[in-house]
Amino acid sequence: MRPLLEAELIKLRTTRTFVALAGVAVGTSVLIVTLVCLLSEPTEESVLTDVFTSDTSSFFITILAIVGITGEWRHRTITSSLLAAPDRLRFLAAKTLAFAVAGAVLSVAISVAIGITGYTILASRDLPTPDVLDVLAQLGRNVAVATLLAAFGVGLGSLVRNQAVAVVGVLLLGLVIEPTLLALAPDVGVYGPFGALPASIQDIPGEDAGFDDTDLVAPGLAVLAMLAWIGAFFAAGAALLKRRDLD
């Protein structure tokens, strides 16, 4: 298992798409923090949520995870990958773990960037700054979201071979279907993997996350729900991968 994981991490580290999107993720996160700090005046109660949840790694790592697994089929590298790793379950597990690690690393890098940027601008404007321990806890929650969504992205991508369909489908789920479900059936919508559950894990109030007066689930329950999503999609993806022909 370890050689497989190391091989997947090498793939990630040497892929231009990962490097490019990681750079974009860091840049957009810093830009958002900069604009929030310069154009608004966060209060002592809201500064932690307003400024230090501006981590876009979860979005980009989800897309990267989907691209990473579907790209094996698109670029026809799946045959050589499975010849090197005949156990398809281990192959999928290694890819899931690799992207989870990548999501955590990317989020940590962004956390350092937005932490330095946020504190610097807030202090220069004499605006309230949260306690360092509170910020570290918040950034840790951001890292957890990126890690979980990366793993979920691999599971989702393993079910949909077509890369474009998978990416567009995720965007539709996150931007259209989940918000609609939250509006029509909030008791069900709070368990959506792209909107409500990540906000719950980050401990963001529903109104601050754009969910109006919806009461989100507790962070611990949200983590368990995300693990259930990951487990379900991983199991389905593994079962499908075992039956698929390598054409």
Protein backbone atom coordinates (compact mmCIF):
# COMPACT_ATOMS: atom_id res chain seq x y z
CA MET A 1 0.00 0.00 0.00
CA ARG A 2 2.80 2.41 0.87
CA PRO A 3 4.48 2.17 -2.57
CA LEU A 4 1.11 2.83 -4.22
CA LEU A 5 0.52 5.88 -2.04
CA GLU A 6 4.02 7.20 -2.75
CA ALA A 7 3.48 6.70 -6.49
CA GLU A 8 0.19 8.62 -6.39
CA LEU A 9 1.80 11.46 -4.43
CA ILE A 10 4.60 11.66 -6.99
CA LYS A 11 1.99 11.87 -9.75
CA LEU A 12 0.36 14.77 -7.96
CA ARG A 13 3.61 16.59 -7.26
CA THR A 14 4.73 16.37 -10.88
CA THR A 15 1.40 17.20 -12.53
CA ARG A 16 1.19 20.71 -13.96
CA THR A 17 -2.57 20.84 -13.41
CA PHE A 18 -2.15 20.31 -9.68
CA VAL A 19 0.60 22.94 -9.42
CA ALA A 20 -1.43 25.45 -11.45
CA LEU A 21 -4.68 24.97 -9.55
CA ALA A 22 -2.87 24.98 -6.22
CA GLY A 23 -1.39 28.35 -7.14
CA VAL A 24 -4.82 29.64 -8.13
CA ALA A 25 -6.30 28.36 -4.85
CA VAL A 26 -3.68 30.19 -2.79
CA GLY A 27 -4.05 33.34 -4.90
CA THR A 28 -7.84 33.47 -4.71
CA SER A 29 -7.84 32.80 -0.97
CA VAL A 30 -5.37 35.62 -0.31
CA LEU A 31 -7.34 37.91 -2.62
CA ILE A 32 -10.60 37.21 -0.78
CA VAL A 33 -8.99 37.82 2.62
CA THR A 34 -7.41 41.04 1.37
CA LEU A 35 -10.68 42.38 -0.01
CA VAL A 36 -12.65 41.43 3.12
CA CYS A 37 -10.10 43.09 5.39
CA LEU A 38 -9.83 46.23 3.26
CA LEU A 39 -13.44 46.75 2.20
CA SER A 40 -15.27 45.78 5.38
CA GLU A 41 -14.92 46.26 9.11
CA PRO A 42 -15.31 42.87 10.79
CA THR A 43 -16.43 43.00 14.38
CA GLU A 44 -14.84 41.09 17.23
CA GLU A 45 -17.67 38.56 17.01
CA SER A 46 -17.55 38.10 13.23
CA VAL A 47 -13.87 38.49 12.33
CA LEU A 48 -13.03 34.80 12.76
CA THR A 49 -15.74 33.70 10.34
CA ASP A 50 -15.51 36.67 7.96
CA VAL A 51 -11.75 36.55 7.47
CA PHE A 52 -10.29 33.20 8.44
CA THR A 53 -12.71 30.89 6.61
CA SER A 54 -11.63 32.32 3.24
CA ASP A 55 -9.95 29.06 2.25
CA THR A 56 -10.79 27.99 -1.31
CA SER A 57 -8.74 24.77 -1.12
CA SER A 58 -11.82 22.57 -0.61
CA PHE A 59 -13.31 23.67 -3.95
CA PHE A 60 -10.11 23.30 -5.96
CA ILE A 61 -9.02 20.01 -4.39
CA THR A 62 -12.45 18.50 -5.10
CA ILE A 63 -12.11 19.43 -8.77
CA LEU A 64 -8.53 18.16 -8.81
CA ALA A 65 -9.56 14.86 -7.23
CA ILE A 66 -12.26 14.35 -9.86
CA VAL A 67 -9.84 15.29 -12.64
CA GLY A 68 -7.20 13.00 -11.15
CA ILE A 69 -9.33 9.85 -11.19
CA THR A 70 -11.27 10.54 -14.40
CA GLY A 71 -8.03 11.55 -16.12
CA GLU A 72 -6.86 7.95 -15.80
CA TRP A 73 -9.60 7.05 -18.29
CA ARG A 74 -9.40 10.19 -20.41
CA HIS A 75 -5.66 9.84 -21.01
CA ARG A 76 -5.83 6.03 -21.11
CA THR A 77 -3.31 5.63 -18.29
CA ILE A 78 -5.67 3.40 -16.32
CA THR A 79 -4.29 0.26 -18.02
CA SER A 80 -0.68 0.94 -17.07
CA SER A 81 -1.74 2.07 -13.59
CA LEU A 82 -3.60 -1.17 -12.93
CA LEU A 83 -0.85 -3.29 -14.47
CA ALA A 84 1.45 -1.76 -11.87
CA ALA A 85 -1.20 -2.17 -9.18
CA PRO A 86 -3.46 -5.13 -10.10
CA ASP A 87 -5.45 -4.86 -6.87
CA ARG A 88 -8.05 -2.30 -7.95
CA LEU A 89 -9.32 -1.71 -4.43
CA ARG A 90 -5.84 -0.78 -3.24
CA PHE A 91 -5.34 1.41 -6.30
CA LEU A 92 -8.49 3.39 -5.52
CA ALA A 93 -7.65 3.55 -1.80
CA ALA A 94 -4.16 4.88 -2.58
CA LYS A 95 -5.56 7.54 -4.87
CA THR A 96 -8.14 8.53 -2.25
CA LEU A 97 -5.49 8.84 0.46
CA ALA A 98 -3.13 10.74 -1.86
CA PHE A 99 -5.71 13.38 -2.67
CA ALA A 100 -6.76 13.60 0.97
CA VAL A 101 -3.12 14.32 1.87
CA ALA A 102 -2.88 16.81 -0.99
CA GLY A 103 -6.02 18.56 0.22
CA ALA A 104 -4.62 18.85 3.74
CA VAL A 105 -1.25 20.17 2.50
CA LEU A 106 -2.89 22.69 0.19
CA SER A 107 -5.19 23.91 2.95
CA VAL A 108 -2.26 24.27 5.37
CA ALA A 109 -0.39 26.37 2.80
CA ILE A 110 -3.46 28.55 2.31
CA SER A 111 -3.98 28.78 6.07
CA VAL A 112 -0.49 30.20 6.53
CA ALA A 113 -1.07 32.68 3.71
CA ILE A 114 -4.47 33.92 4.86
CA GLY A 115 -3.37 33.96 8.50
CA ILE A 116 -0.43 36.25 7.79
CA THR A 117 -2.43 38.40 5.38
CA GLY A 118 -5.45 38.70 7.65
CA TYR A 119 -3.53 39.61 10.79
CA THR A 120 -1.33 42.11 8.92
CA ILE A 121 -4.20 44.03 7.33
CA LEU A 122 -6.46 43.92 10.38
CA ALA A 123 -3.68 45.20 12.63
CA SER A 124 -2.77 47.97 10.17
CA ARG A 125 -6.39 49.17 10.21
CA ASP A 126 -6.75 48.86 14.00
CA LEU A 127 -9.53 46.32 13.56
CA PRO A 128 -10.19 43.49 16.02
CA THR A 129 -8.03 40.38 15.67
CA PRO A 130 -9.11 37.05 17.15
CA ASP A 131 -7.05 35.05 19.60
CA VAL A 132 -4.31 33.01 17.93
CA LEU A 133 -5.63 29.74 19.37
CA ASP A 134 -9.10 30.48 17.96
CA VAL A 135 -7.58 31.16 14.54
CA LEU A 136 -5.55 27.93 14.65
CA ALA A 137 -8.69 25.99 15.57
CA GLN A 138 -10.58 27.59 12.68
CA LEU A 139 -7.78 26.88 10.22
CA GLY A 140 -7.72 23.29 11.47
CA ARG A 141 -11.41 22.99 10.64
CA ASN A 142 -10.67 24.38 7.16
CA VAL A 143 -8.02 21.68 6.69
CA ALA A 144 -10.49 18.98 7.76
CA VAL A 145 -13.00 20.13 5.12
CA ALA A 146 -10.38 20.11 2.34
CA THR A 147 -9.20 16.63 3.37
CA LEU A 148 -12.70 15.16 3.44
CA LEU A 149 -13.84 16.75 0.17
CA ALA A 150 -10.71 15.55 -1.61
CA ALA A 151 -11.48 11.98 -0.59
CA PHE A 152 -15.12 12.44 -1.59
CA GLY A 153 -14.07 13.83 -4.98
CA VAL A 154 -12.11 10.68 -5.78
CA GLY A 155 -15.10 8.51 -4.92
CA LEU A 156 -17.40 10.63 -7.04
CA GLY A 157 -14.96 10.66 -9.96
CA SER A 158 -14.60 6.89 -9.81
CA LEU A 159 -18.31 6.56 -10.63
CA VAL A 160 -18.31 8.92 -13.62
CA ARG A 161 -15.75 8.13 -16.29
CA ASN A 162 -16.38 11.27 -18.35
CA GLN A 163 -14.31 14.10 -16.90
CA ALA A 164 -16.41 16.99 -18.21
CA VAL A 165 -19.66 15.40 -17.03
CA ALA A 166 -18.20 14.76 -13.57
CA VAL A 167 -16.92 18.33 -13.12
CA VAL A 168 -20.11 19.94 -14.44
CA GLY A 169 -22.16 17.59 -12.29
CA VAL A 170 -20.30 18.67 -9.14
CA LEU A 171 -20.81 22.33 -9.98
CA LEU A 172 -24.52 21.75 -10.51
CA LEU A 173 -24.79 19.82 -7.25
CA GLY A 174 -22.99 22.47 -5.25
CA LEU A 175 -24.42 25.61 -6.87
CA VAL A 176 -27.96 24.57 -7.84
CA ILE A 177 -29.23 21.29 -6.46
CA GLU A 178 -28.05 21.55 -2.85
CA PRO A 179 -29.21 25.18 -2.37
CA THR A 180 -32.59 24.25 -3.83
CA LEU A 181 -32.84 21.23 -1.54
CA LEU A 182 -31.92 23.38 1.46
CA ALA A 183 -34.69 25.82 0.57
CA LEU A 184 -37.35 23.17 -0.04
CA ALA A 185 -36.36 20.48 2.46
CA PRO A 186 -33.84 21.90 4.95
CA ASP A 187 -33.91 18.80 7.16
CA VAL A 188 -32.47 16.86 4.21
CA GLY A 189 -30.40 19.67 2.71
CA VAL A 190 -28.29 20.10 5.85
CA TYR A 191 -26.60 16.81 4.95
CA GLY A 192 -25.43 18.02 1.53
CA PRO A 193 -21.70 17.24 1.05
CA PHE A 194 -20.75 20.41 -0.83
CA GLY A 195 -22.49 23.16 1.12
CA ALA A 196 -24.11 22.55 4.47
CA LEU A 197 -21.81 19.84 5.83
CA PRO A 198 -18.58 21.76 5.09
CA ALA A 199 -20.08 24.88 6.71
CA SER A 200 -21.04 22.77 9.74
CA ILE A 201 -17.52 21.35 10.05
CA GLN A 202 -16.09 24.87 9.82
CA ASP A 203 -18.57 25.85 12.55
CA ILE A 204 -20.04 28.65 10.43
CA PRO A 205 -23.58 29.74 11.41
CA GLY A 206 -26.21 29.02 8.77
CA GLU A 207 -26.99 32.68 8.10
CA ASP A 208 -23.29 33.50 7.64
CA ALA A 209 -22.93 30.61 5.20
CA GLY A 210 -25.81 31.94 3.09
CA PHE A 211 -28.38 29.42 4.32
CA ASP A 212 -30.73 32.00 5.86
CA ASP A 213 -32.14 30.76 9.18
CA THR A 214 -31.32 27.09 8.62
CA ASP A 215 -29.91 25.35 11.69
CA LEU A 216 -26.92 23.32 10.57
CA VAL A 217 -25.90 20.08 12.25
CA ALA A 218 -23.17 19.96 14.90
CA PRO A 219 -19.56 19.78 13.62
CA GLY A 220 -19.00 16.26 14.99
CA LEU A 221 -22.13 14.93 13.31
CA ALA A 222 -21.15 16.71 10.09
CA VAL A 223 -17.79 14.91 10.06
CA LEU A 224 -19.53 11.56 10.53
CA ALA A 225 -21.97 12.39 7.72
CA MET A 226 -19.09 13.32 5.40
CA LEU A 227 -17.31 10.06 6.25
CA ALA A 228 -20.54 8.22 5.41
CA TRP A 229 -20.70 10.00 2.02
CA ILE A 230 -17.03 9.12 1.36
CA GLY A 231 -17.54 5.50 2.38
CA ALA A 232 -20.63 5.08 0.24
CA PHE A 233 -19.08 6.58 -2.89
CA PHE A 234 -15.78 4.74 -2.36
CA ALA A 235 -17.60 1.41 -2.04
CA ALA A 236 -19.70 2.08 -5.14
CA GLY A 237 -16.67 3.30 -7.10
CA ALA A 238 -14.60 0.29 -6.06
CA ALA A 239 -17.37 -2.13 -7.05
CA LEU A 240 -17.72 -0.45 -10.44
CA LEU A 241 -13.95 -0.33 -11.00
CA LYS A 242 -13.68 -4.06 -10.40
CA ARG A 243 -16.25 -4.77 -13.14
CA ARG A 244 -15.03 -2.25 -15.70
CA ASP A 245 -13.15 -3.27 -18.81
CA LEU A 246 -9.95 -1.33 -19.44
CA ASP A 247 -10.94 -0.02 -22.86
